Amino acid sequence: MSPRRKARRPELAAGRPRLLSDEVEARLVAASRTGVAVELAAEMAGISRRTFLAWMARGRAEAEARDAGEDADQGEDEYVALYEKVRTARATAATRAMANIRRVADGGIVTKVTTRKFRDPETGQIVEETTEDRTAPDWRADAWYLERQHREHYGKDATLAVEITGLGGAVLQNEQAVDLSALAERLNESLFAVEYPPELEAGGVIDAEIVDP
């Protein structure tokens, strides 16, 4: 038997009320799909956090043993199934959250749609115009991602390695602490100035007569 596998405890033997029912599994998977903490997922399913983690540990141990080529322990099938379903559910939640972070970082999310009609001063025809308000790119979403996924380079205590190549080809390296928040703020101001020139922010309609719909 693989050292990763643990012998079943006596209290889990046949005859004890079965906790891992189909309903409990469905609740655990559904809660995990939302991305909530393990403790909350367990509470949603009506079990303890310790029990949930124990089930996941059993499923993982059996799954790894099978991947290593060992004979499957059929008695662990339900725990392997739970482990795999919960892993997929939590990965789905993380992917969805990451997609939302990217949308906020990139901007362009429609927040308001306005439709109005006015008379064209040249043709006299009634023209319908639709405008959309969209969110601006938000550097803080990118900063959040970098700080957590690449902590060694972009964490709060990170240092910036600056390489300067001289005329002779020599490379000088200098490490200095960087205020990433201030740097990101300056970058954001520069990007906003390019993306949204001040003269275009005022908007407005020239020589247009507003009429009732």
N, C-alpha and C. Protein backbone atom coordinates (compact mmCIF):
# COMPACT_ATOMS: atom_id res chain seq x y z
N MET A 1 0.85 -1.20 0.00
CA MET A 1 0.00 0.00 0.00
C MET A 1 0.87 1.24 0.00
N SER A 2 0.52 2.23 -0.77
CA SER A 2 1.32 3.45 -0.87
C SER A 2 1.41 4.15 0.47
N PRO A 3 2.58 4.74 0.80
CA PRO A 3 2.71 5.47 2.07
C PRO A 3 1.81 6.70 2.09
N ARG A 4 1.35 7.12 0.92
CA ARG A 4 0.47 8.28 0.89
C ARG A 4 -0.92 7.92 1.37
N ARG A 5 -1.28 6.65 1.23
CA ARG A 5 -2.60 6.20 1.66
C ARG A 5 -2.60 5.95 3.16
N LYS A 6 -3.69 6.31 3.78
CA LYS A 6 -3.82 6.08 5.20
C LYS A 6 -4.90 5.03 5.45
N ALA A 7 -4.67 4.19 6.44
CA ALA A 7 -5.67 3.18 6.79
C ALA A 7 -6.93 3.85 7.26
N ARG A 8 -8.05 3.28 6.93
CA ARG A 8 -9.33 3.86 7.33
C ARG A 8 -9.47 3.75 8.84
N ARG A 9 -9.98 4.82 9.44
CA ARG A 9 -10.18 4.81 10.88
C ARG A 9 -11.39 3.96 11.23
N PRO A 10 -11.40 3.36 12.40
CA PRO A 10 -12.51 2.49 12.79
C PRO A 10 -13.86 3.17 12.70
N GLU A 11 -13.91 4.47 13.04
CA GLU A 11 -15.20 5.14 13.05
C GLU A 11 -15.77 5.35 11.65
N LEU A 12 -14.95 5.09 10.61
CA LEU A 12 -15.43 5.24 9.25
C LEU A 12 -15.88 3.90 8.67
N ALA A 13 -15.85 2.88 9.47
CA ALA A 13 -16.21 1.55 8.99
C ALA A 13 -17.71 1.47 8.72
N ALA A 14 -18.09 0.35 8.07
CA ALA A 14 -19.50 0.16 7.72
C ALA A 14 -20.35 0.18 8.98
N GLY A 15 -21.55 0.70 8.88
CA GLY A 15 -22.46 0.75 10.01
C GLY A 15 -22.63 2.14 10.56
N ARG A 16 -21.64 3.01 10.33
CA ARG A 16 -21.76 4.39 10.78
C ARG A 16 -22.57 5.18 9.77
N PRO A 17 -23.42 6.12 10.21
CA PRO A 17 -24.19 6.93 9.26
C PRO A 17 -23.27 7.60 8.24
N ARG A 18 -23.62 7.51 6.98
CA ARG A 18 -22.79 8.03 5.88
C ARG A 18 -22.97 9.53 5.75
N LEU A 19 -21.88 10.28 5.95
CA LEU A 19 -21.94 11.74 5.87
C LEU A 19 -21.84 12.23 4.44
N LEU A 20 -21.00 11.56 3.66
CA LEU A 20 -20.76 12.02 2.29
C LEU A 20 -21.87 11.50 1.37
N SER A 21 -23.02 12.12 1.47
CA SER A 21 -24.14 11.76 0.61
C SER A 21 -24.07 12.55 -0.69
N ASP A 22 -24.92 12.20 -1.64
CA ASP A 22 -24.94 12.92 -2.91
C ASP A 22 -25.29 14.38 -2.69
N GLU A 23 -26.19 14.65 -1.75
CA GLU A 23 -26.60 16.04 -1.48
C GLU A 23 -25.47 16.85 -0.88
N VAL A 24 -24.74 16.25 0.05
CA VAL A 24 -23.61 16.94 0.67
C VAL A 24 -22.54 17.23 -0.38
N GLU A 25 -22.26 16.25 -1.24
CA GLU A 25 -21.27 16.46 -2.29
C GLU A 25 -21.70 17.59 -3.22
N ALA A 26 -22.97 17.60 -3.61
CA ALA A 26 -23.46 18.63 -4.51
C ALA A 26 -23.33 20.02 -3.88
N ARG A 27 -23.60 20.12 -2.58
CA ARG A 27 -23.49 21.41 -1.90
C ARG A 27 -22.04 21.87 -1.82
N LEU A 28 -21.14 20.94 -1.54
CA LEU A 28 -19.72 21.29 -1.47
C LEU A 28 -19.20 21.78 -2.82
N VAL A 29 -19.59 21.09 -3.88
CA VAL A 29 -19.14 21.47 -5.21
C VAL A 29 -19.74 22.81 -5.62
N ALA A 30 -21.03 23.00 -5.35
CA ALA A 30 -21.69 24.26 -5.71
C ALA A 30 -21.08 25.43 -4.96
N ALA A 31 -20.82 25.26 -3.67
CA ALA A 31 -20.21 26.33 -2.89
C ALA A 31 -18.79 26.62 -3.37
N SER A 32 -18.05 25.56 -3.67
CA SER A 32 -16.67 25.74 -4.15
C SER A 32 -16.64 26.46 -5.48
N ARG A 33 -17.68 26.25 -6.29
CA ARG A 33 -17.73 26.90 -7.60
C ARG A 33 -17.88 28.42 -7.47
N THR A 34 -18.39 28.89 -6.35
CA THR A 34 -18.52 30.33 -6.14
C THR A 34 -17.21 30.94 -5.66
N GLY A 35 -16.29 30.09 -5.18
CA GLY A 35 -14.99 30.58 -4.72
C GLY A 35 -14.93 30.91 -3.25
N VAL A 36 -15.94 30.52 -2.45
CA VAL A 36 -15.91 30.82 -1.03
C VAL A 36 -14.84 30.01 -0.32
N ALA A 37 -14.51 30.42 0.89
CA ALA A 37 -13.50 29.72 1.67
C ALA A 37 -13.96 28.30 2.01
N VAL A 38 -13.00 27.42 2.30
CA VAL A 38 -13.30 26.03 2.62
C VAL A 38 -14.26 25.94 3.79
N GLU A 39 -14.03 26.75 4.82
CA GLU A 39 -14.87 26.70 6.00
C GLU A 39 -16.33 27.02 5.67
N LEU A 40 -16.54 28.01 4.79
CA LEU A 40 -17.90 28.38 4.42
C LEU A 40 -18.54 27.31 3.54
N ALA A 41 -17.75 26.70 2.67
CA ALA A 41 -18.29 25.62 1.84
C ALA A 41 -18.74 24.46 2.71
N ALA A 42 -17.94 24.15 3.73
CA ALA A 42 -18.29 23.07 4.64
C ALA A 42 -19.56 23.41 5.41
N GLU A 43 -19.66 24.65 5.88
CA GLU A 43 -20.85 25.07 6.63
C GLU A 43 -22.09 25.01 5.75
N MET A 44 -21.93 25.38 4.48
CA MET A 44 -23.04 25.32 3.54
C MET A 44 -23.53 23.88 3.38
N ALA A 45 -22.62 22.92 3.46
CA ALA A 45 -22.97 21.52 3.28
C ALA A 45 -23.39 20.85 4.58
N GLY A 46 -23.27 21.56 5.70
CA GLY A 46 -23.68 21.01 6.97
C GLY A 46 -22.67 20.09 7.62
N ILE A 47 -21.39 20.26 7.28
CA ILE A 47 -20.35 19.44 7.90
C ILE A 47 -19.28 20.37 8.46
N SER A 48 -18.32 19.80 9.17
CA SER A 48 -17.25 20.61 9.74
C SER A 48 -16.13 20.82 8.73
N ARG A 49 -15.37 21.85 8.95
CA ARG A 49 -14.21 22.12 8.09
C ARG A 49 -13.23 20.95 8.15
N ARG A 50 -13.06 20.40 9.35
CA ARG A 50 -12.12 19.28 9.54
C ARG A 50 -12.54 18.08 8.71
N THR A 51 -13.85 17.80 8.70
CA THR A 51 -14.34 16.67 7.92
C THR A 51 -14.12 16.89 6.43
N PHE A 52 -14.42 18.09 5.96
CA PHE A 52 -14.23 18.41 4.55
C PHE A 52 -12.78 18.23 4.14
N LEU A 53 -11.86 18.76 4.94
CA LEU A 53 -10.44 18.64 4.62
C LEU A 53 -9.98 17.18 4.67
N ALA A 54 -10.53 16.41 5.59
CA ALA A 54 -10.17 14.99 5.68
C ALA A 54 -10.61 14.24 4.43
N TRP A 55 -11.80 14.54 3.96
CA TRP A 55 -12.29 13.90 2.73
C TRP A 55 -11.42 14.27 1.55
N MET A 56 -11.06 15.54 1.47
CA MET A 56 -10.23 16.00 0.35
C MET A 56 -8.85 15.35 0.41
N ALA A 57 -8.31 15.18 1.63
CA ALA A 57 -7.00 14.55 1.79
C ALA A 57 -7.04 13.09 1.34
N ARG A 58 -8.12 12.40 1.68
CA ARG A 58 -8.26 11.00 1.26
C ARG A 58 -8.37 10.90 -0.26
N GLY A 59 -9.15 11.80 -0.83
CA GLY A 59 -9.30 11.78 -2.28
C GLY A 59 -8.00 12.08 -3.00
N ARG A 60 -7.26 13.05 -2.47
CA ARG A 60 -5.99 13.40 -3.10
C ARG A 60 -4.98 12.26 -2.98
N ALA A 61 -4.91 11.64 -1.80
CA ALA A 61 -3.96 10.54 -1.59
C ALA A 61 -4.26 9.39 -2.55
N GLU A 62 -5.53 9.05 -2.69
CA GLU A 62 -5.89 7.96 -3.58
C GLU A 62 -5.64 8.31 -5.04
N ALA A 63 -5.95 9.55 -5.42
CA ALA A 63 -5.73 9.98 -6.80
C ALA A 63 -4.25 9.94 -7.15
N GLU A 64 -3.40 10.39 -6.23
CA GLU A 64 -1.96 10.38 -6.48
C GLU A 64 -1.43 8.96 -6.55
N ALA A 65 -1.98 8.08 -5.70
CA ALA A 65 -1.55 6.69 -5.72
C ALA A 65 -1.91 6.04 -7.05
N ARG A 66 -3.10 6.33 -7.55
CA ARG A 66 -3.51 5.77 -8.84
C ARG A 66 -2.65 6.33 -9.97
N ASP A 67 -2.34 7.61 -9.90
CA ASP A 67 -1.49 8.22 -10.93
C ASP A 67 -0.10 7.58 -10.93
N ALA A 68 0.33 7.11 -9.75
CA ALA A 68 1.64 6.48 -9.63
C ALA A 68 1.62 5.03 -10.10
N GLY A 69 0.45 4.56 -10.51
CA GLY A 69 0.36 3.20 -11.05
C GLY A 69 -0.08 2.15 -10.07
N GLU A 70 -0.48 2.54 -8.86
CA GLU A 70 -0.91 1.56 -7.87
C GLU A 70 -2.35 1.11 -8.16
N ASP A 71 -2.69 -0.05 -7.66
CA ASP A 71 -4.05 -0.57 -7.83
C ASP A 71 -5.05 0.34 -7.12
N ALA A 72 -6.17 0.55 -7.76
CA ALA A 72 -7.19 1.43 -7.19
C ALA A 72 -7.89 0.78 -6.02
N ASP A 73 -8.11 1.57 -4.98
CA ASP A 73 -8.89 1.13 -3.83
C ASP A 73 -10.32 1.59 -4.08
N GLN A 74 -11.19 0.68 -4.46
CA GLN A 74 -12.55 1.02 -4.83
C GLN A 74 -13.31 1.71 -3.70
N GLY A 75 -12.92 1.41 -2.48
CA GLY A 75 -13.59 2.03 -1.34
C GLY A 75 -13.35 3.52 -1.23
N GLU A 76 -12.37 4.01 -1.99
CA GLU A 76 -12.04 5.45 -1.94
C GLU A 76 -12.61 6.21 -3.14
N ASP A 77 -13.37 5.54 -3.97
CA ASP A 77 -13.89 6.17 -5.19
C ASP A 77 -14.64 7.47 -4.92
N GLU A 78 -15.51 7.48 -3.89
CA GLU A 78 -16.32 8.66 -3.64
C GLU A 78 -15.47 9.85 -3.19
N TYR A 79 -14.37 9.57 -2.52
CA TYR A 79 -13.49 10.65 -2.07
C TYR A 79 -12.66 11.19 -3.23
N VAL A 80 -12.26 10.31 -4.12
CA VAL A 80 -11.54 10.75 -5.32
C VAL A 80 -12.46 11.62 -6.18
N ALA A 81 -13.71 11.19 -6.33
CA ALA A 81 -14.67 11.95 -7.13
C ALA A 81 -14.89 13.33 -6.52
N LEU A 82 -15.04 13.39 -5.19
CA LEU A 82 -15.24 14.67 -4.52
C LEU A 82 -14.03 15.57 -4.72
N TYR A 83 -12.85 15.01 -4.52
CA TYR A 83 -11.60 15.77 -4.68
C TYR A 83 -11.50 16.38 -6.07
N GLU A 84 -11.76 15.59 -7.09
CA GLU A 84 -11.63 16.08 -8.45
C GLU A 84 -12.70 17.11 -8.79
N LYS A 85 -13.92 16.90 -8.32
CA LYS A 85 -15.00 17.85 -8.59
C LYS A 85 -14.75 19.19 -7.90
N VAL A 86 -14.30 19.13 -6.66
CA VAL A 86 -14.04 20.37 -5.91
C VAL A 86 -12.87 21.13 -6.54
N ARG A 87 -11.81 20.41 -6.93
CA ARG A 87 -10.67 21.06 -7.59
C ARG A 87 -11.12 21.79 -8.85
N THR A 88 -11.92 21.13 -9.67
CA THR A 88 -12.41 21.74 -10.89
C THR A 88 -13.30 22.95 -10.58
N ALA A 89 -14.15 22.82 -9.55
CA ALA A 89 -15.04 23.91 -9.18
C ALA A 89 -14.26 25.13 -8.73
N ARG A 90 -13.25 24.93 -7.91
CA ARG A 90 -12.46 26.06 -7.41
C ARG A 90 -11.62 26.67 -8.54
N ALA A 91 -11.15 25.85 -9.46
CA ALA A 91 -10.42 26.38 -10.61
C ALA A 91 -11.34 27.23 -11.48
N THR A 92 -12.58 26.79 -11.63
CA THR A 92 -13.56 27.55 -12.40
C THR A 92 -13.82 28.91 -11.75
N ALA A 93 -13.94 28.92 -10.42
CA ALA A 93 -14.16 30.18 -9.71
C ALA A 93 -12.97 31.13 -9.88
N ALA A 94 -11.77 30.58 -9.78
CA ALA A 94 -10.58 31.41 -9.93
C ALA A 94 -10.46 31.97 -11.34
N THR A 95 -10.79 31.16 -12.34
CA THR A 95 -10.72 31.62 -13.72
C THR A 95 -11.74 32.73 -13.98
N ARG A 96 -12.94 32.56 -13.45
CA ARG A 96 -13.97 33.58 -13.62
C ARG A 96 -13.55 34.90 -12.94
N ALA A 97 -12.99 34.78 -11.73
CA ALA A 97 -12.55 35.97 -11.01
C ALA A 97 -11.42 36.67 -11.76
N MET A 98 -10.50 35.88 -12.33
CA MET A 98 -9.39 36.46 -13.07
C MET A 98 -9.88 37.17 -14.32
N ALA A 99 -10.89 36.62 -14.97
CA ALA A 99 -11.46 37.25 -16.16
C ALA A 99 -12.08 38.60 -15.79
N ASN A 100 -12.75 38.66 -14.62
CA ASN A 100 -13.33 39.93 -14.19
C ASN A 100 -12.27 40.96 -13.86
N ILE A 101 -11.17 40.50 -13.24
CA ILE A 101 -10.07 41.41 -12.94
C ILE A 101 -9.49 41.99 -14.23
N ARG A 102 -9.35 41.15 -15.26
CA ARG A 102 -8.82 41.61 -16.53
C ARG A 102 -9.77 42.62 -17.17
N ARG A 103 -11.07 42.40 -17.05
CA ARG A 103 -12.04 43.34 -17.62
C ARG A 103 -11.93 44.69 -16.94
N VAL A 104 -11.76 44.69 -15.62
CA VAL A 104 -11.62 45.95 -14.90
C VAL A 104 -10.32 46.63 -15.28
N ALA A 105 -9.25 45.86 -15.40
CA ALA A 105 -7.94 46.43 -15.76
C ALA A 105 -7.97 47.04 -17.15
N ASP A 106 -8.61 46.37 -18.10
CA ASP A 106 -8.64 46.85 -19.47
C ASP A 106 -9.63 47.98 -19.68
N GLY A 107 -10.65 48.05 -18.83
CA GLY A 107 -11.65 49.10 -19.00
C GLY A 107 -12.61 48.78 -20.14
N GLY A 108 -13.49 49.73 -20.42
CA GLY A 108 -14.42 49.55 -21.52
C GLY A 108 -15.71 48.87 -21.14
N ILE A 109 -15.97 48.67 -19.85
CA ILE A 109 -17.22 48.05 -19.41
C ILE A 109 -18.34 49.08 -19.53
N VAL A 110 -19.42 48.73 -20.20
CA VAL A 110 -20.53 49.66 -20.39
C VAL A 110 -21.28 49.84 -19.08
N THR A 111 -21.40 51.09 -18.63
CA THR A 111 -22.10 51.39 -17.39
C THR A 111 -23.41 52.13 -17.63
N LYS A 112 -23.55 52.75 -18.80
CA LYS A 112 -24.77 53.51 -19.08
C LYS A 112 -24.94 53.65 -20.58
N VAL A 113 -26.17 53.48 -21.04
CA VAL A 113 -26.50 53.66 -22.46
C VAL A 113 -27.59 54.73 -22.55
N THR A 114 -27.32 55.77 -23.34
CA THR A 114 -28.27 56.88 -23.49
C THR A 114 -28.65 57.03 -24.95
N THR A 115 -29.94 57.07 -25.21
CA THR A 115 -30.44 57.27 -26.57
C THR A 115 -31.26 58.56 -26.61
N ARG A 116 -31.00 59.40 -27.58
CA ARG A 116 -31.74 60.65 -27.71
C ARG A 116 -31.98 60.96 -29.19
N LYS A 117 -32.97 61.82 -29.41
CA LYS A 117 -33.29 62.22 -30.78
C LYS A 117 -33.14 63.74 -30.92
N PHE A 118 -32.65 64.14 -32.07
CA PHE A 118 -32.53 65.58 -32.33
C PHE A 118 -32.68 65.82 -33.83
N ARG A 119 -32.96 67.07 -34.18
CA ARG A 119 -33.16 67.42 -35.58
C ARG A 119 -31.84 67.87 -36.19
N ASP A 120 -31.46 67.24 -37.28
CA ASP A 120 -30.23 67.61 -37.98
C ASP A 120 -30.44 69.00 -38.59
N PRO A 121 -29.59 69.98 -38.26
CA PRO A 121 -29.78 71.35 -38.75
C PRO A 121 -29.64 71.49 -40.28
N GLU A 122 -28.98 70.54 -40.92
CA GLU A 122 -28.78 70.65 -42.37
C GLU A 122 -29.90 69.97 -43.15
N THR A 123 -30.30 68.79 -42.71
CA THR A 123 -31.31 68.04 -43.46
C THR A 123 -32.71 68.21 -42.90
N GLY A 124 -32.79 68.63 -41.64
CA GLY A 124 -34.09 68.77 -41.03
C GLY A 124 -34.69 67.44 -40.58
N GLN A 125 -33.96 66.37 -40.76
CA GLN A 125 -34.44 65.05 -40.38
C GLN A 125 -34.20 64.79 -38.89
N ILE A 126 -35.08 63.96 -38.31
CA ILE A 126 -34.91 63.56 -36.92
C ILE A 126 -33.87 62.45 -36.87
N VAL A 127 -32.84 62.65 -36.10
CA VAL A 127 -31.73 61.70 -35.99
C VAL A 127 -31.72 61.10 -34.59
N GLU A 128 -31.54 59.82 -34.54
CA GLU A 128 -31.44 59.14 -33.24
C GLU A 128 -29.98 58.82 -32.96
N GLU A 129 -29.54 59.18 -31.77
CA GLU A 129 -28.13 58.98 -31.41
C GLU A 129 -28.05 58.20 -30.10
N THR A 130 -27.21 57.20 -30.08
CA THR A 130 -27.00 56.39 -28.88
C THR A 130 -25.56 56.53 -28.41
N THR A 131 -25.39 56.84 -27.14
CA THR A 131 -24.05 56.97 -26.57
C THR A 131 -23.90 56.01 -25.40
N GLU A 132 -22.68 55.58 -25.17
CA GLU A 132 -22.40 54.65 -24.09
C GLU A 132 -21.33 55.23 -23.18
N ASP A 133 -21.54 55.09 -21.88
CA ASP A 133 -20.51 55.43 -20.90
C ASP A 133 -19.77 54.15 -20.55
N ARG A 134 -18.45 54.19 -20.61
CA ARG A 134 -17.63 53.01 -20.33
C ARG A 134 -16.60 53.32 -19.26
N THR A 135 -16.22 52.30 -18.53
CA THR A 135 -15.22 52.48 -17.48
C THR A 135 -13.84 52.70 -18.09
N ALA A 136 -13.04 53.48 -17.39
CA ALA A 136 -11.65 53.70 -17.82
C ALA A 136 -10.79 52.54 -17.35
N PRO A 137 -9.67 52.28 -18.01
CA PRO A 137 -8.75 51.24 -17.53
C PRO A 137 -8.32 51.53 -16.10
N ASP A 138 -8.21 50.50 -15.28
CA ASP A 138 -7.86 50.67 -13.87
C ASP A 138 -6.57 49.90 -13.58
N TRP A 139 -5.49 50.61 -13.39
CA TRP A 139 -4.19 49.98 -13.16
C TRP A 139 -4.17 49.16 -11.87
N ARG A 140 -5.05 49.50 -10.92
CA ARG A 140 -5.02 48.81 -9.63
C ARG A 140 -5.36 47.33 -9.76
N ALA A 141 -6.18 46.98 -10.73
CA ALA A 141 -6.49 45.56 -10.95
C ALA A 141 -5.25 44.81 -11.41
N ASP A 142 -4.47 45.42 -12.31
CA ASP A 142 -3.22 44.80 -12.75
C ASP A 142 -2.23 44.73 -11.59
N ALA A 143 -2.17 45.79 -10.78
CA ALA A 143 -1.25 45.80 -9.64
C ALA A 143 -1.60 44.69 -8.65
N TRP A 144 -2.89 44.50 -8.42
CA TRP A 144 -3.33 43.43 -7.52
C TRP A 144 -2.88 42.07 -8.03
N TYR A 145 -3.05 41.86 -9.33
CA TYR A 145 -2.67 40.58 -9.93
C TYR A 145 -1.16 40.36 -9.83
N LEU A 146 -0.38 41.35 -10.20
CA LEU A 146 1.08 41.20 -10.18
C LEU A 146 1.60 40.99 -8.76
N GLU A 147 1.02 41.70 -7.80
CA GLU A 147 1.50 41.59 -6.43
C GLU A 147 1.29 40.18 -5.88
N ARG A 148 0.24 39.51 -6.33
CA ARG A 148 -0.07 38.19 -5.78
C ARG A 148 0.49 37.04 -6.62
N GLN A 149 0.53 37.20 -7.92
CA GLN A 149 1.01 36.13 -8.78
C GLN A 149 2.53 36.17 -8.99
N HIS A 150 3.12 37.35 -8.86
CA HIS A 150 4.56 37.52 -9.07
C HIS A 150 5.12 38.32 -7.89
N ARG A 151 4.90 37.76 -6.70
CA ARG A 151 5.25 38.48 -5.47
C ARG A 151 6.73 38.81 -5.39
N GLU A 152 7.58 37.90 -5.94
CA GLU A 152 9.02 38.14 -5.82
C GLU A 152 9.47 39.37 -6.58
N HIS A 153 8.71 39.75 -7.60
CA HIS A 153 9.08 40.92 -8.40
C HIS A 153 8.22 42.15 -8.10
N TYR A 154 6.94 41.93 -7.75
CA TYR A 154 6.02 43.05 -7.61
C TYR A 154 5.35 43.12 -6.24
N GLY A 155 5.83 42.34 -5.27
CA GLY A 155 5.28 42.42 -3.93
C GLY A 155 5.65 43.75 -3.29
N LYS A 156 5.04 44.03 -2.15
CA LYS A 156 5.27 45.32 -1.51
C LYS A 156 6.72 45.52 -1.09
N ASP A 157 7.41 44.43 -0.83
CA ASP A 157 8.81 44.52 -0.40
C ASP A 157 9.79 44.25 -1.53
N ALA A 158 9.29 44.24 -2.76
CA ALA A 158 10.16 43.92 -3.90
C ALA A 158 11.14 45.06 -4.16
N THR A 159 12.24 44.73 -4.80
CA THR A 159 13.21 45.72 -5.24
C THR A 159 13.28 45.69 -6.76
N LEU A 160 13.61 46.80 -7.34
CA LEU A 160 13.69 46.89 -8.79
C LEU A 160 15.15 46.84 -9.22
N ALA A 161 15.49 45.87 -10.07
CA ALA A 161 16.85 45.75 -10.58
C ALA A 161 16.92 46.54 -11.88
N VAL A 162 17.78 47.55 -11.91
CA VAL A 162 17.92 48.42 -13.07
C VAL A 162 19.24 48.12 -13.75
N GLU A 163 19.18 47.76 -15.02
CA GLU A 163 20.40 47.49 -15.79
C GLU A 163 20.64 48.65 -16.75
N ILE A 164 21.84 49.20 -16.68
CA ILE A 164 22.20 50.31 -17.54
C ILE A 164 23.42 49.90 -18.36
N THR A 165 23.27 49.95 -19.66
CA THR A 165 24.37 49.57 -20.55
C THR A 165 25.12 50.83 -20.99
N GLY A 166 26.40 50.89 -20.70
CA GLY A 166 27.20 52.04 -21.08
C GLY A 166 27.64 51.97 -22.53
N LEU A 167 28.32 52.99 -22.96
CA LEU A 167 28.77 53.05 -24.35
C LEU A 167 29.76 51.94 -24.65
N GLY A 168 30.51 51.54 -23.64
CA GLY A 168 31.51 50.51 -23.87
C GLY A 168 30.94 49.11 -23.79
N GLY A 169 29.63 49.00 -23.55
CA GLY A 169 29.02 47.69 -23.50
C GLY A 169 28.96 47.10 -22.11
N ALA A 170 29.56 47.79 -21.12
CA ALA A 170 29.54 47.26 -19.76
C ALA A 170 28.13 47.41 -19.19
N VAL A 171 27.74 46.46 -18.41
CA VAL A 171 26.41 46.48 -17.80
C VAL A 171 26.55 46.79 -16.32
N LEU A 172 25.90 47.84 -15.90
CA LEU A 172 25.90 48.23 -14.50
C LEU A 172 24.57 47.82 -13.89
N GLN A 173 24.60 47.22 -12.74
CA GLN A 173 23.38 46.81 -12.06
C GLN A 173 23.23 47.58 -10.76
N ASN A 174 22.03 48.05 -10.55
CA ASN A 174 21.76 48.80 -9.33
C ASN A 174 20.40 48.38 -8.78
N GLU A 175 20.35 47.98 -7.55
CA GLU A 175 19.09 47.61 -6.92
C GLU A 175 18.68 48.69 -5.95
N GLN A 176 17.43 49.10 -6.05
CA GLN A 176 16.92 50.12 -5.16
C GLN A 176 15.46 49.83 -4.87
N ALA A 177 15.04 50.21 -3.68
CA ALA A 177 13.64 50.01 -3.31
C ALA A 177 12.78 50.94 -4.13
N VAL A 178 11.63 50.46 -4.55
CA VAL A 178 10.74 51.24 -5.40
C VAL A 178 9.37 51.34 -4.76
N ASP A 179 8.82 52.54 -4.79
CA ASP A 179 7.45 52.75 -4.33
C ASP A 179 6.54 52.38 -5.49
N LEU A 180 6.06 51.12 -5.51
CA LEU A 180 5.28 50.63 -6.64
C LEU A 180 3.96 51.36 -6.78
N SER A 181 3.37 51.75 -5.67
CA SER A 181 2.08 52.46 -5.75
C SER A 181 2.24 53.81 -6.45
N ALA A 182 3.30 54.54 -6.07
CA ALA A 182 3.53 55.84 -6.70
C ALA A 182 3.87 55.67 -8.18
N LEU A 183 4.66 54.64 -8.49
CA LEU A 183 5.03 54.38 -9.88
C LEU A 183 3.80 54.04 -10.71
N ALA A 184 2.93 53.19 -10.15
CA ALA A 184 1.71 52.81 -10.87
C ALA A 184 0.78 54.00 -11.04
N GLU A 185 0.73 54.86 -10.04
CA GLU A 185 -0.13 56.05 -10.13
C GLU A 185 0.33 56.97 -11.25
N ARG A 186 1.65 57.17 -11.36
CA ARG A 186 2.18 58.01 -12.44
C ARG A 186 1.89 57.39 -13.80
N LEU A 187 2.03 56.06 -13.87
CA LEU A 187 1.75 55.37 -15.12
C LEU A 187 0.28 55.51 -15.50
N ASN A 188 -0.58 55.38 -14.50
CA ASN A 188 -2.01 55.51 -14.75
C ASN A 188 -2.37 56.90 -15.27
N GLU A 189 -1.77 57.93 -14.69
CA GLU A 189 -2.03 59.30 -15.13
C GLU A 189 -1.59 59.49 -16.58
N SER A 190 -0.44 58.90 -16.93
CA SER A 190 0.05 59.03 -18.30
C SER A 190 -0.86 58.31 -19.28
N LEU A 191 -1.28 57.10 -18.92
CA LEU A 191 -2.16 56.33 -19.80
C LEU A 191 -3.51 57.02 -19.96
N PHE A 192 -4.01 57.60 -18.88
CA PHE A 192 -5.32 58.25 -18.95
C PHE A 192 -5.24 59.48 -19.85
N ALA A 193 -4.12 60.18 -19.78
CA ALA A 193 -3.97 61.37 -20.61
C ALA A 193 -3.94 61.01 -22.09
N VAL A 194 -3.36 59.86 -22.40
CA VAL A 194 -3.30 59.43 -23.80
C VAL A 194 -4.65 58.88 -24.26
N GLU A 195 -5.29 58.10 -23.39
CA GLU A 195 -6.55 57.45 -23.76
C GLU A 195 -7.71 58.44 -23.84
N TYR A 196 -7.69 59.42 -22.95
CA TYR A 196 -8.80 60.35 -22.89
C TYR A 196 -8.27 61.79 -22.86
N PRO A 197 -7.94 62.38 -24.02
CA PRO A 197 -7.44 63.76 -24.07
C PRO A 197 -8.46 64.70 -23.46
N PRO A 198 -8.00 65.70 -22.68
CA PRO A 198 -8.91 66.63 -22.00
C PRO A 198 -9.90 67.30 -22.94
N GLU A 199 -9.45 67.61 -24.16
CA GLU A 199 -10.33 68.32 -25.07
C GLU A 199 -11.48 67.46 -25.58
N LEU A 200 -11.37 66.15 -25.41
CA LEU A 200 -12.44 65.27 -25.88
C LEU A 200 -13.41 64.89 -24.77
N GLU A 201 -13.06 65.20 -23.52
CA GLU A 201 -13.90 64.79 -22.42
C GLU A 201 -15.18 65.59 -22.33
N ALA A 202 -15.13 66.84 -22.75
CA ALA A 202 -16.31 67.70 -22.62
C ALA A 202 -17.45 67.20 -23.49
N GLY A 203 -17.14 66.73 -24.70
CA GLY A 203 -18.16 66.18 -25.61
C GLY A 203 -19.14 67.27 -26.03
N GLY A 204 -20.42 66.92 -26.16
CA GLY A 204 -21.41 67.89 -26.55
C GLY A 204 -21.79 67.77 -28.02
N VAL A 205 -22.91 68.38 -28.37
CA VAL A 205 -23.41 68.38 -29.74
C VAL A 205 -23.45 69.81 -30.23
N ILE A 206 -22.90 70.05 -31.39
CA ILE A 206 -22.85 71.40 -31.96
C ILE A 206 -23.97 71.58 -32.98
N ASP A 207 -24.66 72.72 -32.90
CA ASP A 207 -25.73 73.05 -33.88
C ASP A 207 -26.78 71.95 -33.94
N ALA A 208 -27.23 71.47 -32.82
CA ALA A 208 -28.27 70.45 -32.81
C ALA A 208 -29.49 70.96 -32.03
N GLU A 209 -30.63 70.73 -32.58
CA GLU A 209 -31.89 71.14 -31.94
C GLU A 209 -32.50 69.92 -31.28
N ILE A 210 -32.65 69.94 -29.97
CA ILE A 210 -33.19 68.81 -29.24
C ILE A 210 -34.71 68.82 -29.36
N VAL A 211 -35.28 67.68 -29.71
CA VAL A 211 -36.72 67.59 -29.83
C VAL A 211 -37.21 66.43 -28.97
N ASP A 212 -38.48 66.46 -28.62
CA ASP A 212 -39.04 65.38 -27.83
C ASP A 212 -39.13 64.11 -28.64
N PRO A 213 -38.92 62.94 -28.00
CA PRO A 213 -39.04 61.68 -28.74
C PRO A 213 -40.43 61.53 -29.33
